Amino acid sequence: PFRNPLADVNERIDHTLTTNLLTNAFLEYDIIPGLTLRSTIGLGLDFR
């Protein structure tokens, strides 16, 4: 027996669905001249 290439193309189902989200937000506050506070939060999601 052998794998028929045309049958593989027509009759096999094999696919991958992928959703990626990469996001981040920041807040920067100048408390006094020369003194800065910065906060960031980032989120990464990967669904396959």
ModelCIF file with pLDDT and N, C-alpha, C, O atoms, coordinates in Angstrom:
data_MODEL
#
_entry.id   MODEL 
#
_entity.id                         1 
_entity.type                       polymer 
_entity.pdbx_number_of_molecules   1 
#
_entity_poly.entity_id                      1 
_entity_poly.type                           'polypeptide(L)' 
_entity_poly.nstd_linkage                   no 
_entity_poly.nstd_monomer                   no 
_entity_poly.pdbx_seq_one_letter_code       PFRNPLADVNERIDHTLTTNLLTNAFLEYDIIPGLTLRSTIGLGLDFR 
_entity_poly.pdbx_seq_one_letter_code_can   PFRNPLADVNERIDHTLTTNLLTNAFLEYDIIPGLTLRSTIGLGLDFR 
_entity_poly.pdbx_strand_id                 A 
#
loop_
_entity_poly_seq.entity_id 
_entity_poly_seq.num 
_entity_poly_seq.mon_id 
_entity_poly_seq.hetero 
1 1  PRO n 
1 2  PHE n 
1 3  ARG n 
1 4  ASN n 
1 5  PRO n 
1 6  LEU n 
1 7  ALA n 
1 8  ASP n 
1 9  VAL n 
1 10 ASN n 
1 11 GLU n 
1 12 ARG n 
1 13 ILE n 
1 14 ASP n 
1 15 HIS n 
1 16 THR n 
1 17 LEU n 
1 18 THR n 
1 19 THR n 
1 20 ASN n 
1 21 LEU n 
1 22 LEU n 
1 23 THR n 
1 24 ASN n 
1 25 ALA n 
1 26 PHE n 
1 27 LEU n 
1 28 GLU n 
1 29 TYR n 
1 30 ASP n 
1 31 ILE n 
1 32 ILE n 
1 33 PRO n 
1 34 GLY n 
1 35 LEU n 
1 36 THR n 
1 37 LEU n 
1 38 ARG n 
1 39 SER n 
1 40 THR n 
1 41 ILE n 
1 42 GLY n 
1 43 LEU n 
1 44 GLY n 
1 45 LEU n 
1 46 ASP n 
1 47 PHE n 
1 48 ARG n 
#
_struct_asym.id          A 
_struct_asym.entity_id   1 
#
loop_
_ma_qa_metric.id 
_ma_qa_metric.mode 
_ma_qa_metric.name 
_ma_qa_metric.software_group_id 
_ma_qa_metric.type 
1 global pLDDT . pLDDT 
2 local  pLDDT . pLDDT 
#
_ma_qa_metric_global.metric_id      1 
_ma_qa_metric_global.metric_value   94.44 
_ma_qa_metric_global.model_id       1 
_ma_qa_metric_global.ordinal_id     1 
#
loop_
_ma_qa_metric_local.label_asym_id 
_ma_qa_metric_local.label_comp_id 
_ma_qa_metric_local.label_seq_id 
_ma_qa_metric_local.metric_id 
_ma_qa_metric_local.metric_value 
_ma_qa_metric_local.model_id 
_ma_qa_metric_local.ordinal_id 
A PRO 1  2 80.00 1 1  
A PHE 2  2 82.00 1 2  
A ARG 3  2 86.00 1 3  
A ASN 4  2 90.00 1 4  
A PRO 5  2 91.00 1 5  
A LEU 6  2 93.00 1 6  
A ALA 7  2 93.00 1 7  
A ASP 8  2 92.00 1 8  
A VAL 9  2 93.00 1 9  
A ASN 10 2 93.00 1 10 
A GLU 11 2 92.00 1 11 
A ARG 12 2 92.00 1 12 
A ILE 13 2 93.00 1 13 
A ASP 14 2 94.00 1 14 
A HIS 15 2 96.00 1 15 
A THR 16 2 97.00 1 16 
A LEU 17 2 97.00 1 17 
A THR 18 2 97.00 1 18 
A THR 19 2 97.00 1 19 
A ASN 20 2 97.00 1 20 
A LEU 21 2 97.00 1 21 
A LEU 22 2 97.00 1 22 
A THR 23 2 97.00 1 23 
A ASN 24 2 96.00 1 24 
A ALA 25 2 97.00 1 25 
A PHE 26 2 97.00 1 26 
A LEU 27 2 97.00 1 27 
A GLU 28 2 96.00 1 28 
A TYR 29 2 96.00 1 29 
A ASP 30 2 95.00 1 30 
A ILE 31 2 93.00 1 31 
A ILE 32 2 93.00 1 32 
A PRO 33 2 92.00 1 33 
A GLY 34 2 92.00 1 34 
A LEU 35 2 95.00 1 35 
A THR 36 2 96.00 1 36 
A LEU 37 2 97.00 1 37 
A ARG 38 2 96.00 1 38 
A SER 39 2 97.00 1 39 
A THR 40 2 97.00 1 40 
A ILE 41 2 97.00 1 41 
A GLY 42 2 97.00 1 42 
A LEU 43 2 97.00 1 43 
A GLY 44 2 97.00 1 44 
A LEU 45 2 97.00 1 45 
A ASP 46 2 97.00 1 46 
A PHE 47 2 97.00 1 47 
A ARG 48 2 96.00 1 48 
#
loop_
_atom_site.group_PDB 
_atom_site.id 
_atom_site.type_symbol 
_atom_site.label_atom_id 
_atom_site.label_alt_id 
_atom_site.label_comp_id 
_atom_site.label_asym_id 
_atom_site.label_entity_id 
_atom_site.label_seq_id 
_atom_site.pdbx_PDB_ins_code 
_atom_site.Cartn_x 
_atom_site.Cartn_y 
_atom_site.Cartn_z 
_atom_site.occupancy 
_atom_site.B_iso_or_equiv 
_atom_site.pdbx_formal_charge 
_atom_site.auth_seq_id 
_atom_site.auth_comp_id 
_atom_site.auth_asym_id 
_atom_site.auth_atom_id 
_atom_site.pdbx_PDB_model_num 
ATOM 1   N N  . PRO A 1 1  ? 0.834   -1.210 0.000  1.00 80.00 ? 1  PRO A N  1 
ATOM 2   C CA . PRO A 1 1  ? 0.000   0.000  0.000  1.00 80.00 ? 1  PRO A CA 1 
ATOM 3   C C  . PRO A 1 1  ? 0.875   1.269  0.000  1.00 80.00 ? 1  PRO A C  1 
ATOM 4   O O  . PRO A 1 1  ? 1.993   1.271  0.517  1.00 80.00 ? 1  PRO A O  1 
ATOM 5   N N  . PHE A 1 2  ? 0.347   2.319  -0.580 1.00 82.00 ? 2  PHE A N  1 
ATOM 6   C CA . PHE A 1 2  ? 1.053   3.602  -0.575 1.00 82.00 ? 2  PHE A CA 1 
ATOM 7   C C  . PHE A 1 2  ? 0.022   4.715  -0.424 1.00 82.00 ? 2  PHE A C  1 
ATOM 8   O O  . PHE A 1 2  ? -1.168  4.526  -0.676 1.00 82.00 ? 2  PHE A O  1 
ATOM 9   N N  . ARG A 1 3  ? 0.513   5.881  -0.005 1.00 86.00 ? 3  ARG A N  1 
ATOM 10  C CA . ARG A 1 3  ? -0.355  7.039  0.138  1.00 86.00 ? 3  ARG A CA 1 
ATOM 11  C C  . ARG A 1 3  ? -0.500  7.721  -1.220 1.00 86.00 ? 3  ARG A C  1 
ATOM 12  O O  . ARG A 1 3  ? 0.475   8.211  -1.789 1.00 86.00 ? 3  ARG A O  1 
ATOM 13  N N  . ASN A 1 4  ? -1.699  7.745  -1.716 1.00 90.00 ? 4  ASN A N  1 
ATOM 14  C CA . ASN A 1 4  ? -1.993  8.362  -2.995 1.00 90.00 ? 4  ASN A CA 1 
ATOM 15  C C  . ASN A 1 4  ? -1.966  9.888  -2.822 1.00 90.00 ? 4  ASN A C  1 
ATOM 16  O O  . ASN A 1 4  ? -2.784  10.423 -2.075 1.00 90.00 ? 4  ASN A O  1 
ATOM 17  N N  . PRO A 1 5  ? -1.054  10.599 -3.489 1.00 91.00 ? 5  PRO A N  1 
ATOM 18  C CA . PRO A 1 5  ? -0.923  12.054 -3.282 1.00 91.00 ? 5  PRO A CA 1 
ATOM 19  C C  . PRO A 1 5  ? -2.200  12.824 -3.610 1.00 91.00 ? 5  PRO A C  1 
ATOM 20  O O  . PRO A 1 5  ? -2.563  13.754 -2.890 1.00 91.00 ? 5  PRO A O  1 
ATOM 21  N N  . LEU A 1 6  ? -2.882  12.444 -4.688 1.00 93.00 ? 6  LEU A N  1 
ATOM 22  C CA . LEU A 1 6  ? -4.108  13.155 -5.040 1.00 93.00 ? 6  LEU A CA 1 
ATOM 23  C C  . LEU A 1 6  ? -5.201  12.920 -4.009 1.00 93.00 ? 6  LEU A C  1 
ATOM 24  O O  . LEU A 1 6  ? -5.965  13.831 -3.690 1.00 93.00 ? 6  LEU A O  1 
ATOM 25  N N  . ALA A 1 7  ? -5.278  11.699 -3.488 1.00 93.00 ? 7  ALA A N  1 
ATOM 26  C CA . ALA A 1 7  ? -6.249  11.421 -2.423 1.00 93.00 ? 7  ALA A CA 1 
ATOM 27  C C  . ALA A 1 7  ? -5.927  12.229 -1.179 1.00 93.00 ? 7  ALA A C  1 
ATOM 28  O O  . ALA A 1 7  ? -6.830  12.725 -0.505 1.00 93.00 ? 7  ALA A O  1 
ATOM 29  N N  . ASP A 1 8  ? -4.632  12.364 -0.871 1.00 92.00 ? 8  ASP A N  1 
ATOM 30  C CA . ASP A 1 8  ? -4.242  13.168 0.295  1.00 92.00 ? 8  ASP A CA 1 
ATOM 31  C C  . ASP A 1 8  ? -4.693  14.619 0.128  1.00 92.00 ? 8  ASP A C  1 
ATOM 32  O O  . ASP A 1 8  ? -5.202  15.230 1.068  1.00 92.00 ? 8  ASP A O  1 
ATOM 33  N N  . VAL A 1 9  ? -4.501  15.164 -1.073 1.00 93.00 ? 9  VAL A N  1 
ATOM 34  C CA . VAL A 1 9  ? -4.878  16.552 -1.322 1.00 93.00 ? 9  VAL A CA 1 
ATOM 35  C C  . VAL A 1 9  ? -6.389  16.738 -1.211 1.00 93.00 ? 9  VAL A C  1 
ATOM 36  O O  . VAL A 1 9  ? -6.851  17.722 -0.634 1.00 93.00 ? 9  VAL A O  1 
ATOM 37  N N  . ASN A 1 10 ? -7.152  15.808 -1.752 1.00 93.00 ? 10 ASN A N  1 
ATOM 38  C CA . ASN A 1 10 ? -8.603  15.972 -1.818 1.00 93.00 ? 10 ASN A CA 1 
ATOM 39  C C  . ASN A 1 10 ? -9.344  15.509 -0.577 1.00 93.00 ? 10 ASN A C  1 
ATOM 40  O O  . ASN A 1 10 ? -10.381 16.073 -0.229 1.00 93.00 ? 10 ASN A O  1 
ATOM 41  N N  . GLU A 1 11 ? -8.825  14.485 0.099  1.00 92.00 ? 11 GLU A N  1 
ATOM 42  C CA . GLU A 1 11 ? -9.604  13.829 1.143  1.00 92.00 ? 11 GLU A CA 1 
ATOM 43  C C  . GLU A 1 11 ? -9.051  14.013 2.552  1.00 92.00 ? 11 GLU A C  1 
ATOM 44  O O  . GLU A 1 11 ? -9.731  13.662 3.516  1.00 92.00 ? 11 GLU A O  1 
ATOM 45  N N  . ARG A 1 12 ? -7.868  14.540 2.701  1.00 92.00 ? 12 ARG A N  1 
ATOM 46  C CA . ARG A 1 12 ? -7.321  14.803 4.034  1.00 92.00 ? 12 ARG A CA 1 
ATOM 47  C C  . ARG A 1 12 ? -7.619  16.247 4.433  1.00 92.00 ? 12 ARG A C  1 
ATOM 48  O O  . ARG A 1 12 ? -7.508  17.161 3.617  1.00 92.00 ? 12 ARG A O  1 
ATOM 49  N N  . ILE A 1 13 ? -7.992  16.438 5.672  1.00 93.00 ? 13 ILE A N  1 
ATOM 50  C CA . ILE A 1 13 ? -8.158  17.773 6.244  1.00 93.00 ? 13 ILE A CA 1 
ATOM 51  C C  . ILE A 1 13 ? -7.077  17.960 7.298  1.00 93.00 ? 13 ILE A C  1 
ATOM 52  O O  . ILE A 1 13 ? -6.962  17.167 8.232  1.00 93.00 ? 13 ILE A O  1 
ATOM 53  N N  . ASP A 1 14 ? -6.295  19.005 7.142  1.00 94.00 ? 14 ASP A N  1 
ATOM 54  C CA . ASP A 1 14 ? -5.232  19.282 8.111  1.00 94.00 ? 14 ASP A CA 1 
ATOM 55  C C  . ASP A 1 14 ? -4.895  20.768 8.040  1.00 94.00 ? 14 ASP A C  1 
ATOM 56  O O  . ASP A 1 14 ? -4.130  21.198 7.177  1.00 94.00 ? 14 ASP A O  1 
ATOM 57  N N  . HIS A 1 15 ? -5.463  21.538 8.942  1.00 96.00 ? 15 HIS A N  1 
ATOM 58  C CA . HIS A 1 15 ? -5.168  22.970 8.971  1.00 96.00 ? 15 HIS A CA 1 
ATOM 59  C C  . HIS A 1 15 ? -5.020  23.448 10.412 1.00 96.00 ? 15 HIS A C  1 
ATOM 60  O O  . HIS A 1 15 ? -5.515  22.814 11.344 1.00 96.00 ? 15 HIS A O  1 
ATOM 61  N N  . THR A 1 16 ? -4.341  24.560 10.575 1.00 97.00 ? 16 THR A N  1 
ATOM 62  C CA . THR A 1 16 ? -4.086  25.156 11.886 1.00 97.00 ? 16 THR A CA 1 
ATOM 63  C C  . THR A 1 16 ? -4.648  26.562 11.918 1.00 97.00 ? 16 THR A C  1 
ATOM 64  O O  . THR A 1 16 ? -4.353  27.375 11.041 1.00 97.00 ? 16 THR A O  1 
ATOM 65  N N  . LEU A 1 17 ? -5.459  26.852 12.926 1.00 97.00 ? 17 LEU A N  1 
ATOM 66  C CA . LEU A 1 17 ? -6.035  28.180 13.140 1.00 97.00 ? 17 LEU A CA 1 
ATOM 67  C C  . LEU A 1 17 ? -5.297  28.840 14.300 1.00 97.00 ? 17 LEU A C  1 
ATOM 68  O O  . LEU A 1 17 ? -5.187  28.259 15.380 1.00 97.00 ? 17 LEU A O  1 
ATOM 69  N N  . THR A 1 18 ? -4.799  30.040 14.083 1.00 97.00 ? 18 THR A N  1 
ATOM 70  C CA . THR A 1 18 ? -4.001  30.720 15.103 1.00 97.00 ? 18 THR A CA 1 
ATOM 71  C C  . THR A 1 18 ? -4.471  32.162 15.255 1.00 97.00 ? 18 THR A C  1 
ATOM 72  O O  . THR A 1 18 ? -4.654  32.873 14.267 1.00 97.00 ? 18 THR A O  1 
ATOM 73  N N  . THR A 1 19 ? -4.664  32.581 16.493 1.00 97.00 ? 19 THR A N  1 
ATOM 74  C CA . THR A 1 19 ? -4.976  33.977 16.810 1.00 97.00 ? 19 THR A CA 1 
ATOM 75  C C  . THR A 1 19 ? -3.990  34.462 17.855 1.00 97.00 ? 19 THR A C  1 
ATOM 76  O O  . THR A 1 19 ? -3.843  33.849 18.912 1.00 97.00 ? 19 THR A O  1 
ATOM 77  N N  . ASN A 1 20 ? -3.311  35.573 17.557 1.00 97.00 ? 20 ASN A N  1 
ATOM 78  C CA . ASN A 1 20 ? -2.323  36.154 18.472 1.00 97.00 ? 20 ASN A CA 1 
ATOM 79  C C  . ASN A 1 20 ? -2.725  37.583 18.806 1.00 97.00 ? 20 ASN A C  1 
ATOM 80  O O  . ASN A 1 20 ? -3.127  38.351 17.933 1.00 97.00 ? 20 ASN A O  1 
ATOM 81  N N  . LEU A 1 21 ? -2.611  37.922 20.072 1.00 97.00 ? 21 LEU A N  1 
ATOM 82  C CA . LEU A 1 21 ? -2.828  39.303 20.525 1.00 97.00 ? 21 LEU A CA 1 
ATOM 83  C C  . LEU A 1 21 ? -1.654  39.715 21.386 1.00 97.00 ? 21 LEU A C  1 
ATOM 84  O O  . LEU A 1 21 ? -1.330  39.049 22.369 1.00 97.00 ? 21 LEU A O  1 
ATOM 85  N N  . LEU A 1 22 ? -1.020  40.810 21.016 1.00 97.00 ? 22 LEU A N  1 
ATOM 86  C CA . LEU A 1 22 ? 0.076   41.371 21.799 1.00 97.00 ? 22 LEU A CA 1 
ATOM 87  C C  . LEU A 1 22 ? -0.221  42.852 21.986 1.00 97.00 ? 22 LEU A C  1 
ATOM 88  O O  . LEU A 1 22 ? -0.250  43.606 21.013 1.00 97.00 ? 22 LEU A O  1 
ATOM 89  N N  . THR A 1 23 ? -0.440  43.272 23.218 1.00 97.00 ? 23 THR A N  1 
ATOM 90  C CA . THR A 1 23 ? -0.809  44.651 23.481 1.00 97.00 ? 23 THR A CA 1 
ATOM 91  C C  . THR A 1 23 ? -0.199  45.113 24.795 1.00 97.00 ? 23 THR A C  1 
ATOM 92  O O  . THR A 1 23 ? 0.030   44.314 25.703 1.00 97.00 ? 23 THR A O  1 
ATOM 93  N N  . ASN A 1 24 ? 0.057   46.399 24.885 1.00 96.00 ? 24 ASN A N  1 
ATOM 94  C CA . ASN A 1 24 ? 0.524   46.982 26.136 1.00 96.00 ? 24 ASN A CA 1 
ATOM 95  C C  . ASN A 1 24 ? 0.091   48.437 26.206 1.00 96.00 ? 24 ASN A C  1 
ATOM 96  O O  . ASN A 1 24 ? -0.101  49.095 25.183 1.00 96.00 ? 24 ASN A O  1 
ATOM 97  N N  . ALA A 1 25 ? -0.057  48.919 27.416 1.00 97.00 ? 25 ALA A N  1 
ATOM 98  C CA . ALA A 1 25 ? -0.451  50.304 27.667 1.00 97.00 ? 25 ALA A CA 1 
ATOM 99  C C  . ALA A 1 25 ? 0.483   50.889 28.713 1.00 97.00 ? 25 ALA A C  1 
ATOM 100 O O  . ALA A 1 25 ? 1.000   50.168 29.566 1.00 97.00 ? 25 ALA A O  1 
ATOM 101 N N  . PHE A 1 26 ? 0.698   52.198 28.645 1.00 97.00 ? 26 PHE A N  1 
ATOM 102 C CA . PHE A 1 26 ? 1.606   52.842 29.591 1.00 97.00 ? 26 PHE A CA 1 
ATOM 103 C C  . PHE A 1 26 ? 1.002   54.135 30.121 1.00 97.00 ? 26 PHE A C  1 
ATOM 104 O O  . PHE A 1 26 ? 0.158   54.766 29.485 1.00 97.00 ? 26 PHE A O  1 
ATOM 105 N N  . LEU A 1 27 ? 1.460   54.498 31.291 1.00 97.00 ? 27 LEU A N  1 
ATOM 106 C CA . LEU A 1 27 ? 1.101   55.775 31.913 1.00 97.00 ? 27 LEU A CA 1 
ATOM 107 C C  . LEU A 1 27 ? 2.378   56.378 32.479 1.00 97.00 ? 27 LEU A C  1 
ATOM 108 O O  . LEU A 1 27 ? 3.094   55.734 33.246 1.00 97.00 ? 27 LEU A O  1 
ATOM 109 N N  . GLU A 1 28 ? 2.655   57.623 32.094 1.00 96.00 ? 28 GLU A N  1 
ATOM 110 C CA . GLU A 1 28 ? 3.872   58.303 32.530 1.00 96.00 ? 28 GLU A CA 1 
ATOM 111 C C  . GLU A 1 28 ? 3.494   59.603 33.222 1.00 96.00 ? 28 GLU A C  1 
ATOM 112 O O  . GLU A 1 28 ? 2.718   60.402 32.696 1.00 96.00 ? 28 GLU A O  1 
ATOM 113 N N  . TYR A 1 29 ? 4.060   59.803 34.421 1.00 96.00 ? 29 TYR A N  1 
ATOM 114 C CA . TYR A 1 29 ? 3.707   60.969 35.241 1.00 96.00 ? 29 TYR A CA 1 
ATOM 115 C C  . TYR A 1 29 ? 4.977   61.666 35.709 1.00 96.00 ? 29 TYR A C  1 
ATOM 116 O O  . TYR A 1 29 ? 5.820   61.068 36.379 1.00 96.00 ? 29 TYR A O  1 
ATOM 117 N N  . ASP A 1 30 ? 5.099   62.937 35.347 1.00 95.00 ? 30 ASP A N  1 
ATOM 118 C CA . ASP A 1 30 ? 6.230   63.748 35.807 1.00 95.00 ? 30 ASP A CA 1 
ATOM 119 C C  . ASP A 1 30 ? 5.869   64.347 37.154 1.00 95.00 ? 30 ASP A C  1 
ATOM 120 O O  . ASP A 1 30 ? 5.122   65.323 37.235 1.00 95.00 ? 30 ASP A O  1 
ATOM 121 N N  . ILE A 1 31 ? 6.411   63.750 38.218 1.00 93.00 ? 31 ILE A N  1 
ATOM 122 C CA . ILE A 1 31 ? 6.054   64.176 39.565 1.00 93.00 ? 31 ILE A CA 1 
ATOM 123 C C  . ILE A 1 31 ? 6.572   65.581 39.827 1.00 93.00 ? 31 ILE A C  1 
ATOM 124 O O  . ILE A 1 31 ? 5.806   66.475 40.187 1.00 93.00 ? 31 ILE A O  1 
ATOM 125 N N  . ILE A 1 32 ? 7.851   65.771 39.650 1.00 93.00 ? 32 ILE A N  1 
ATOM 126 C CA . ILE A 1 32 ? 8.517   67.063 39.722 1.00 93.00 ? 32 ILE A CA 1 
ATOM 127 C C  . ILE A 1 32 ? 9.536   67.089 38.598 1.00 93.00 ? 32 ILE A C  1 
ATOM 128 O O  . ILE A 1 32 ? 9.825   66.035 38.031 1.00 93.00 ? 32 ILE A O  1 
ATOM 129 N N  . PRO A 1 33 ? 10.091  68.234 38.251 1.00 92.00 ? 33 PRO A N  1 
ATOM 130 C CA . PRO A 1 33 ? 11.105  68.258 37.197 1.00 92.00 ? 33 PRO A CA 1 
ATOM 131 C C  . PRO A 1 33 ? 12.251  67.292 37.493 1.00 92.00 ? 33 PRO A C  1 
ATOM 132 O O  . PRO A 1 33 ? 12.899  67.382 38.535 1.00 92.00 ? 33 PRO A O  1 
ATOM 133 N N  . GLY A 1 34 ? 12.486  66.385 36.582 1.00 92.00 ? 34 GLY A N  1 
ATOM 134 C CA . GLY A 1 34 ? 13.566  65.405 36.732 1.00 92.00 ? 34 GLY A CA 1 
ATOM 135 C C  . GLY A 1 34 ? 13.152  64.096 37.354 1.00 92.00 ? 34 GLY A C  1 
ATOM 136 O O  . GLY A 1 34 ? 13.928  63.141 37.334 1.00 92.00 ? 34 GLY A O  1 
ATOM 137 N N  . LEU A 1 35 ? 11.942  64.014 37.913 1.00 95.00 ? 35 LEU A N  1 
ATOM 138 C CA . LEU A 1 35 ? 11.479  62.794 38.573 1.00 95.00 ? 35 LEU A CA 1 
ATOM 139 C C  . LEU A 1 35 ? 10.233  62.287 37.847 1.00 95.00 ? 35 LEU A C  1 
ATOM 140 O O  . LEU A 1 35 ? 9.199   62.954 37.842 1.00 95.00 ? 35 LEU A O  1 
ATOM 141 N N  . THR A 1 36 ? 10.335  61.097 37.230 1.00 96.00 ? 36 THR A N  1 
ATOM 142 C CA . THR A 1 36 ? 9.262   60.565 36.391 1.00 96.00 ? 36 THR A CA 1 
ATOM 143 C C  . THR A 1 36 ? 8.879   59.164 36.840 1.00 96.00 ? 36 THR A C  1 
ATOM 144 O O  . THR A 1 36 ? 9.739   58.317 37.085 1.00 96.00 ? 36 THR A O  1 
ATOM 145 N N  . LEU A 1 37 ? 7.581   58.935 36.945 1.00 97.00 ? 37 LEU A N  1 
ATOM 146 C CA . LEU A 1 37 ? 7.036   57.622 37.261 1.00 97.00 ? 37 LEU A CA 1 
ATOM 147 C C  . LEU A 1 37 ? 6.409   57.050 35.994 1.00 97.00 ? 37 LEU A C  1 
ATOM 148 O O  . LEU A 1 37 ? 5.642   57.731 35.313 1.00 97.00 ? 37 LEU A O  1 
ATOM 149 N N  . ARG A 1 38 ? 6.738   55.794 35.678 1.00 96.00 ? 38 ARG A N  1 
ATOM 150 C CA . ARG A 1 38 ? 6.190   55.152 34.487 1.00 96.00 ? 38 ARG A CA 1 
ATOM 151 C C  . ARG A 1 38 ? 5.704   53.753 34.840 1.00 96.00 ? 38 ARG A C  1 
ATOM 152 O O  . ARG A 1 38 ? 6.403   52.979 35.494 1.00 96.00 ? 38 ARG A O  1 
ATOM 153 N N  . SER A 1 39 ? 4.500   53.450 34.395 1.00 97.00 ? 39 SER A N  1 
ATOM 154 C CA . SER A 1 39 ? 3.921   52.136 34.647 1.00 97.00 ? 39 SER A CA 1 
ATOM 155 C C  . SER A 1 39 ? 3.392   51.581 33.326 1.00 97.00 ? 39 SER A C  1 
ATOM 156 O O  . SER A 1 39 ? 2.716   52.286 32.578 1.00 97.00 ? 39 SER A O  1 
ATOM 157 N N  . THR A 1 40 ? 3.700   50.324 33.046 1.00 97.00 ? 40 THR A N  1 
ATOM 158 C CA . THR A 1 40 ? 3.217   49.666 31.830 1.00 97.00 ? 40 THR A CA 1 
ATOM 159 C C  . THR A 1 40 ? 2.628   48.311 32.190 1.00 97.00 ? 40 THR A C  1 
ATOM 160 O O  . THR A 1 40 ? 3.059   47.657 33.139 1.00 97.00 ? 40 THR A O  1 
ATOM 161 N N  . ILE A 1 41 ? 1.654   47.916 31.427 1.00 97.00 ? 41 ILE A N  1 
ATOM 162 C CA . ILE A 1 41 ? 1.093   46.570 31.564 1.00 97.00 ? 41 ILE A CA 1 
ATOM 163 C C  . ILE A 1 41 ? 0.908   46.000 30.166 1.00 97.00 ? 41 ILE A C  1 
ATOM 164 O O  . ILE A 1 41 ? 0.369   46.660 29.278 1.00 97.00 ? 41 ILE A O  1 
ATOM 165 N N  . GLY A 1 42 ? 1.355   44.785 29.988 1.00 97.00 ? 42 GLY A N  1 
ATOM 166 C CA . GLY A 1 42 ? 1.290   44.144 28.686 1.00 97.00 ? 42 GLY A CA 1 
ATOM 167 C C  . GLY A 1 42 ? 0.579   42.805 28.770 1.00 97.00 ? 42 GLY A C  1 
ATOM 168 O O  . GLY A 1 42 ? 0.644   42.113 29.786 1.00 97.00 ? 42 GLY A O  1 
ATOM 169 N N  . LEU A 1 43 ? -0.096  42.452 27.696 1.00 97.00 ? 43 LEU A N  1 
ATOM 170 C CA . LEU A 1 43 ? -0.832  41.192 27.632 1.00 97.00 ? 43 LEU A CA 1 
ATOM 171 C C  . LEU A 1 43 ? -0.503  40.507 26.311 1.00 97.00 ? 43 LEU A C  1 
ATOM 172 O O  . LEU A 1 43 ? -0.568  41.115 25.242 1.00 97.00 ? 43 LEU A O  1 
ATOM 173 N N  . GLY A 1 44 ? -0.153  39.241 26.408 1.00 97.00 ? 44 GLY A N  1 
ATOM 174 C CA . GLY A 1 44 ? 0.084   38.435 25.216 1.00 97.00 ? 44 GLY A CA 1 
ATOM 175 C C  . GLY A 1 44 ? -0.780  37.187 25.253 1.00 97.00 ? 44 GLY A C  1 
ATOM 176 O O  . GLY A 1 44 ? -0.729  36.418 26.213 1.00 97.00 ? 44 GLY A O  1 
ATOM 177 N N  . LEU A 1 45 ? -1.569  36.988 24.215 1.00 97.00 ? 45 LEU A N  1 
ATOM 178 C CA . LEU A 1 45 ? -2.440  35.822 24.111 1.00 97.00 ? 45 LEU A CA 1 
ATOM 179 C C  . LEU A 1 45 ? -2.109  35.060 22.836 1.00 97.00 ? 45 LEU A C  1 
ATOM 180 O O  . LEU A 1 45 ? -1.875  35.660 21.787 1.00 97.00 ? 45 LEU A O  1 
ATOM 181 N N  . ASP A 1 46 ? -2.092  33.747 22.933 1.00 97.00 ? 46 ASP A N  1 
ATOM 182 C CA . ASP A 1 46 ? -1.808  32.913 21.778 1.00 97.00 ? 46 ASP A CA 1 
ATOM 183 C C  . ASP A 1 46 ? -2.764  31.720 21.792 1.00 97.00 ? 46 ASP A C  1 
ATOM 184 O O  . ASP A 1 46 ? -2.711  30.881 22.691 1.00 97.00 ? 46 ASP A O  1 
ATOM 185 N N  . PHE A 1 47 ? -3.629  31.655 20.794 1.00 97.00 ? 47 PHE A N  1 
ATOM 186 C CA . PHE A 1 47 ? -4.590  30.557 20.685 1.00 97.00 ? 47 PHE A CA 1 
ATOM 187 C C  . PHE A 1 47 ? -4.309  29.797 19.392 1.00 97.00 ? 47 PHE A C  1 
ATOM 188 O O  . PHE A 1 47 ? -4.265  30.384 18.311 1.00 97.00 ? 47 PHE A O  1 
ATOM 189 N N  . ARG A 1 48 ? -4.119  28.487 19.518 1.00 96.00 ? 48 ARG A N  1 
ATOM 190 C CA . ARG A 1 48 ? -3.859  27.649 18.345 1.00 96.00 ? 48 ARG A CA 1 
ATOM 191 C C  . ARG A 1 48 ? -4.736  26.404 18.399 1.00 96.00 ? 48 ARG A C  1 
ATOM 192 O O  . ARG A 1 48 ? -4.670  25.563 17.502 1.00 96.00 ? 48 ARG A O  1 
#
